[in-house]
Amino acid sequence: MKLLASLTLAAAILLTVTLLVTEALEDVIFFSLFVGIPVGIAAALVAFAAVWLGWPGQV
């Protein structure tokens, strides 16, 4: 029973800290997603094209 109580308390603390950090960094997180997702898509397209076309120097 003590283990369950400890795990419940740990989960509650983790959830609380996660929510507080998310609220504090909300603008940064949204900006990172706004920039990161398109950059990730572009990088994936470049990597796919490089493999598909055979990047110069690849064996």
PDB file of N, CA and C in Angstrom:
ATOM      1  N   MET A   1       0.823  -1.200   0.000  1.00  0.00           N
ATOM      2  CA  MET A   1       0.000   0.000   0.000  1.00  0.00           C
ATOM      3  C   MET A   1       0.865   1.262   0.000  1.00  0.00           C
ATOM      4  N   LYS A   2       2.003   1.193   0.710  1.00  0.00           N
ATOM      5  CA  LYS A   2       2.899   2.353   0.738  1.00  0.00           C
ATOM      6  C   LYS A   2       3.484   2.614  -0.651  1.00  0.00           C
ATOM      7  N   LEU A   3       3.748   1.531  -1.386  1.00  0.00           N
ATOM      8  CA  LEU A   3       4.302   1.688  -2.732  1.00  0.00           C
ATOM      9  C   LEU A   3       3.305   2.401  -3.642  1.00  0.00           C
ATOM     10  N   LEU A   4       2.051   2.013  -3.560  1.00  0.00           N
ATOM     11  CA  LEU A   4       1.018   2.644  -4.376  1.00  0.00           C
ATOM     12  C   LEU A   4       0.870   4.125  -4.030  1.00  0.00           C
ATOM     13  N   ALA A   5       0.914   4.433  -2.746  1.00  0.00           N
ATOM     14  CA  ALA A   5       0.815   5.832  -2.317  1.00  0.00           C
ATOM     15  C   ALA A   5       2.016   6.629  -2.809  1.00  0.00           C
ATOM     16  N   SER A   6       3.196   6.036  -2.739  1.00  0.00           N
ATOM     17  CA  SER A   6       4.402   6.720  -3.207  1.00  0.00           C
ATOM     18  C   SER A   6       4.350   6.964  -4.710  1.00  0.00           C
ATOM     19  N   LEU A   7       3.898   5.961  -5.455  1.00  0.00           N
ATOM     20  CA  LEU A   7       3.801   6.116  -6.905  1.00  0.00           C
ATOM     21  C   LEU A   7       2.749   7.154  -7.284  1.00  0.00           C
ATOM     22  N   THR A   8       1.654   7.172  -6.556  1.00  0.00           N
ATOM     23  CA  THR A   8       0.612   8.166  -6.810  1.00  0.00           C
ATOM     24  C   THR A   8       1.129   9.573  -6.541  1.00  0.00           C
ATOM     25  N   LEU A   9       1.842   9.736  -5.439  1.00  0.00           N
ATOM     26  CA  LEU A   9       2.416  11.038  -5.111  1.00  0.00           C
ATOM     27  C   LEU A   9       3.442  11.458  -6.162  1.00  0.00           C
ATOM     28  N   ALA A  10       4.281  10.520  -6.588  1.00  0.00           N
ATOM     29  CA  ALA A  10       5.290  10.830  -7.606  1.00  0.00           C
ATOM     30  C   ALA A  10       4.622  11.233  -8.920  1.00  0.00           C
ATOM     31  N   ALA A  11       3.558  10.537  -9.297  1.00  0.00           N
ATOM     32  CA  ALA A  11       2.845  10.867 -10.529  1.00  0.00           C
ATOM     33  C   ALA A  11       2.196  12.245 -10.430  1.00  0.00           C
ATOM     34  N   ALA A  12       1.639  12.560  -9.266  1.00  0.00           N
ATOM     35  CA  ALA A  12       1.011  13.872  -9.073  1.00  0.00           C
ATOM     36  C   ALA A  12       2.047  14.988  -9.150  1.00  0.00           C
ATOM     37  N   ILE A  13       3.205  14.770  -8.553  1.00  0.00           N
ATOM     38  CA  ILE A  13       4.278  15.773  -8.601  1.00  0.00           C
ATOM     39  C   ILE A  13       4.766  15.953 -10.033  1.00  0.00           C
ATOM     40  N   LEU A  14       4.965  14.847 -10.742  1.00  0.00           N
ATOM     41  CA  LEU A  14       5.424  14.916 -12.129  1.00  0.00           C
ATOM     42  C   LEU A  14       4.419  15.662 -13.001  1.00  0.00           C
ATOM     43  N   LEU A  15       3.146  15.363 -12.836  1.00  0.00           N
ATOM     44  CA  LEU A  15       2.110  16.035 -13.611  1.00  0.00           C
ATOM     45  C   LEU A  15       2.061  17.528 -13.297  1.00  0.00           C
ATOM     46  N   THR A  16       2.166  17.870 -12.031  1.00  0.00           N
ATOM     47  CA  THR A  16       2.143  19.279 -11.624  1.00  0.00           C
ATOM     48  C   THR A  16       3.327  20.043 -12.201  1.00  0.00           C
ATOM     49  N   VAL A  17       4.513  19.472 -12.089  1.00  0.00           N
ATOM     50  CA  VAL A  17       5.716  20.129 -12.615  1.00  0.00           C
ATOM     51  C   VAL A  17       5.619  20.269 -14.133  1.00  0.00           C
ATOM     52  N   THR A  18       5.128  19.223 -14.799  1.00  0.00           N
ATOM     53  CA  THR A  18       4.979  19.277 -16.254  1.00  0.00           C
ATOM     54  C   THR A  18       4.029  20.394 -16.671  1.00  0.00           C
ATOM     55  N   LEU A  19       2.899  20.498 -15.983  1.00  0.00           N
ATOM     56  CA  LEU A  19       1.938  21.551 -16.314  1.00  0.00           C
ATOM     57  C   LEU A  19       2.505  22.943 -16.050  1.00  0.00           C
ATOM     58  N   LEU A  20       3.220  23.109 -14.942  1.00  0.00           N
ATOM     59  CA  LEU A  20       3.799  24.416 -14.628  1.00  0.00           C
ATOM     60  C   LEU A  20       4.861  24.827 -15.645  1.00  0.00           C
ATOM     61  N   VAL A  21       5.712  23.886 -16.028  1.00  0.00           N
ATOM     62  CA  VAL A  21       6.758  24.186 -17.013  1.00  0.00           C
ATOM     63  C   VAL A  21       6.126  24.500 -18.369  1.00  0.00           C
ATOM     64  N   THR A  22       5.095  23.740 -18.734  1.00  0.00           N
ATOM     65  CA  THR A  22       4.410  23.995 -20.001  1.00  0.00           C
ATOM     66  C   THR A  22       3.779  25.380 -20.021  1.00  0.00           C
ATOM     67  N   GLU A  23       3.147  25.763 -18.931  1.00  0.00           N
ATOM     68  CA  GLU A  23       2.551  27.100 -18.853  1.00  0.00           C
ATOM     69  C   GLU A  23       3.621  28.187 -18.938  1.00  0.00           C
ATOM     70  N   ALA A  24       4.738  27.973 -18.249  1.00  0.00           N
ATOM     71  CA  ALA A  24       5.801  28.980 -18.222  1.00  0.00           C
ATOM     72  C   ALA A  24       6.466  29.142 -19.592  1.00  0.00           C
ATOM     73  N   LEU A  25       6.594  28.041 -20.317  1.00  0.00           N
ATOM     74  CA  LEU A  25       7.318  28.074 -21.591  1.00  0.00           C
ATOM     75  C   LEU A  25       6.394  27.958 -22.798  1.00  0.00           C
ATOM     76  N   GLU A  26       5.142  28.295 -22.625  1.00  0.00           N
ATOM     77  CA  GLU A  26       4.151  28.107 -23.685  1.00  0.00           C
ATOM     78  C   GLU A  26       4.547  28.798 -24.988  1.00  0.00           C
ATOM     79  N   ASP A  27       4.973  30.044 -24.913  1.00  0.00           N
ATOM     80  CA  ASP A  27       5.345  30.775 -26.133  1.00  0.00           C
ATOM     81  C   ASP A  27       6.552  30.147 -26.818  1.00  0.00           C
ATOM     82  N   VAL A  28       7.528  29.728 -26.029  1.00  0.00           N
ATOM     83  CA  VAL A  28       8.728  29.105 -26.595  1.00  0.00           C
ATOM     84  C   VAL A  28       8.377  27.781 -27.251  1.00  0.00           C
ATOM     85  N   ILE A  29       7.511  27.006 -26.596  1.00  0.00           N
ATOM     86  CA  ILE A  29       7.131  25.701 -27.134  1.00  0.00           C
ATOM     87  C   ILE A  29       6.402  25.866 -28.465  1.00  0.00           C
ATOM     88  N   PHE A  30       5.438  26.785 -28.529  1.00  0.00           N
ATOM     89  CA  PHE A  30       4.705  26.985 -29.773  1.00  0.00           C
ATOM     90  C   PHE A  30       5.618  27.497 -30.875  1.00  0.00           C
ATOM     91  N   PHE A  31       6.551  28.394 -30.548  1.00  0.00           N
ATOM     92  CA  PHE A  31       7.489  28.887 -31.553  1.00  0.00           C
ATOM     93  C   PHE A  31       8.372  27.750 -32.057  1.00  0.00           C
ATOM     94  N   SER A  32       8.825  26.890 -31.140  1.00  0.00           N
ATOM     95  CA  SER A  32       9.669  25.763 -31.530  1.00  0.00           C
ATOM     96  C   SER A  32       8.924  24.827 -32.470  1.00  0.00           C
ATOM     97  N   LEU A  33       7.640  24.592 -32.186  1.00  0.00           N
ATOM     98  CA  LEU A  33       6.847  23.744 -33.074  1.00  0.00           C
ATOM     99  C   LEU A  33       6.634  24.420 -34.422  1.00  0.00           C
ATOM    100  N   PHE A  34       6.379  25.728 -34.390  1.00  0.00           N
ATOM    101  CA  PHE A  34       6.132  26.480 -35.618  1.00  0.00           C
ATOM    102  C   PHE A  34       7.350  26.438 -36.533  1.00  0.00           C
ATOM    103  N   VAL A  35       8.540  26.494 -35.965  1.00  0.00           N
ATOM    104  CA  VAL A  35       9.773  26.462 -36.749  1.00  0.00           C
ATOM    105  C   VAL A  35      10.231  25.023 -36.975  1.00  0.00           C
ATOM    106  N   GLY A  36      10.151  24.205 -35.934  1.00  0.00           N
ATOM    107  CA  GLY A  36      10.730  22.865 -35.984  1.00  0.00           C
ATOM    108  C   GLY A  36      10.044  21.908 -36.933  1.00  0.00           C
ATOM    109  N   ILE A  37       8.727  21.958 -37.004  1.00  0.00           N
ATOM    110  CA  ILE A  37       8.012  21.016 -37.866  1.00  0.00           C
ATOM    111  C   ILE A  37       8.328  21.257 -39.345  1.00  0.00           C
ATOM    112  N   PRO A  38       8.245  22.490 -39.850  1.00  0.00           N
ATOM    113  CA  PRO A  38       8.612  22.694 -41.262  1.00  0.00           C
ATOM    114  C   PRO A  38      10.079  22.369 -41.556  1.00  0.00           C
ATOM    115  N   VAL A  39      10.964  22.695 -40.627  1.00  0.00           N
ATOM    116  CA  VAL A  39      12.382  22.385 -40.835  1.00  0.00           C
ATOM    117  C   VAL A  39      12.590  20.874 -40.873  1.00  0.00           C
ATOM    118  N   GLY A  40      11.892  20.154 -40.009  1.00  0.00           N
ATOM    119  CA  GLY A  40      11.987  18.692 -40.010  1.00  0.00           C
ATOM    120  C   GLY A  40      11.470  18.088 -41.301  1.00  0.00           C
ATOM    121  N   ILE A  41      10.378  18.627 -41.811  1.00  0.00           N
ATOM    122  CA  ILE A  41       9.832  18.134 -43.083  1.00  0.00           C
ATOM    123  C   ILE A  41      10.808  18.407 -44.219  1.00  0.00           C
ATOM    124  N   ALA A  42      11.378  19.606 -44.244  1.00  0.00           N
ATOM    125  CA  ALA A  42      12.350  19.944 -45.289  1.00  0.00           C
ATOM    126  C   ALA A  42      13.582  19.046 -45.203  1.00  0.00           C
ATOM    127  N   ALA A  43      14.059  18.792 -43.993  1.00  0.00           N
ATOM    128  CA  ALA A  43      15.229  17.926 -43.825  1.00  0.00           C
ATOM    129  C   ALA A  43      14.922  16.504 -44.281  1.00  0.00           C
ATOM    130  N   ALA A  44      13.721  16.022 -43.989  1.00  0.00           N
ATOM    131  CA  ALA A  44      13.338  14.681 -44.429  1.00  0.00           C
ATOM    132  C   ALA A  44      13.284  14.603 -45.950  1.00  0.00           C
ATOM    133  N   LEU A  45      12.756  15.646 -46.590  1.00  0.00           N
ATOM    134  CA  LEU A  45      12.705  15.662 -48.055  1.00  0.00           C
ATOM    135  C   LEU A  45      14.104  15.688 -48.668  1.00  0.00           C
ATOM    136  N   VAL A  46      14.983  16.487 -48.084  1.00  0.00           N
ATOM    137  CA  VAL A  46      16.364  16.551 -48.587  1.00  0.00           C
ATOM    138  C   VAL A  46      17.060  15.207 -48.403  1.00  0.00           C
ATOM    139  N   ALA A  47      16.883  14.583 -47.247  1.00  0.00           N
ATOM    140  CA  ALA A  47      17.512  13.281 -46.999  1.00  0.00           C
ATOM    141  C   ALA A  47      16.957  12.227 -47.951  1.00  0.00           C
ATOM    142  N   PHE A  48      15.647  12.234 -48.165  1.00  0.00           N
ATOM    143  CA  PHE A  48      15.046  11.270 -49.090  1.00  0.00           C
ATOM    144  C   PHE A  48      15.577  11.473 -50.501  1.00  0.00           C
ATOM    145  N   ALA A  49      15.640  12.733 -50.941  1.00  0.00           N
ATOM    146  CA  ALA A  49      16.143  13.020 -52.281  1.00  0.00           C
ATOM    147  C   ALA A  49      17.599  12.608 -52.417  1.00  0.00           C
ATOM    148  N   ALA A  50      18.385  12.838 -51.365  1.00  0.00           N
ATOM    149  CA  ALA A  50      19.804  12.474 -51.412  1.00  0.00           C
ATOM    150  C   ALA A  50      19.970  10.969 -51.554  1.00  0.00           C
ATOM    151  N   VAL A  51      19.184  10.203 -50.825  1.00  0.00           N
ATOM    152  CA  VAL A  51      19.281   8.743 -50.915  1.00  0.00           C
ATOM    153  C   VAL A  51      18.723   8.259 -52.245  1.00  0.00           C
ATOM    154  N   TRP A  52      17.601   8.817 -52.669  1.00  0.00           N
ATOM    155  CA  TRP A  52      16.947   8.363 -53.888  1.00  0.00           C
ATOM    156  C   TRP A  52      17.771   8.684 -55.129  1.00  0.00           C
ATOM    157  N   LEU A  53      18.373   9.880 -55.144  1.00  0.00           N
ATOM    158  CA  LEU A  53      19.162  10.291 -56.302  1.00  0.00           C
ATOM    159  C   LEU A  53      20.597   9.791 -56.240  1.00  0.00           C
ATOM    160  N   GLY A  54      21.020   9.322 -55.076  1.00  0.00           N
ATOM    161  CA  GLY A  54      22.398   8.875 -54.925  1.00  0.00           C
ATOM    162  C   GLY A  54      23.319  10.061 -54.757  1.00  0.00           C
ATOM    163  N   TRP A  55      23.471  10.491 -53.522  1.00  0.00           N
ATOM    164  CA  TRP A  55      24.306  11.649 -53.218  1.00  0.00           C
ATOM    165  C   TRP A  55      25.695  11.437 -53.784  1.00  0.00           C
ATOM    166  N   PRO A  56      26.309  12.456 -54.400  1.00  0.00           N
ATOM    167  CA  PRO A  56      27.668  12.285 -54.955  1.00  0.00           C
ATOM    168  C   PRO A  56      28.644  11.793 -53.892  1.00  0.00           C
ATOM    169  N   GLY A  57      29.362  10.762 -54.241  1.00  0.00           N
ATOM    170  CA  GLY A  57      30.353  10.216 -53.324  1.00  0.00           C
ATOM    171  C   GLY A  57      29.858   9.025 -52.527  1.00  0.00           C
ATOM    172  N   GLN A  58      28.567   8.726 -52.613  1.00  0.00           N
ATOM    173  CA  GLN A  58      28.070   7.552 -51.892  1.00  0.00           C
ATOM    174  C   GLN A  58      28.457   6.296 -52.640  1.00  0.00           C
ATOM    175  N   VAL A  59      28.682   5.254 -51.888  1.00  0.00           N
ATOM    176  CA  VAL A  59      29.045   3.968 -52.500  1.00  0.00           C
ATOM    177  C   VAL A  59      27.794   3.169 -52.731  1.00  0.00           C
TER     178      VAL A  59
END
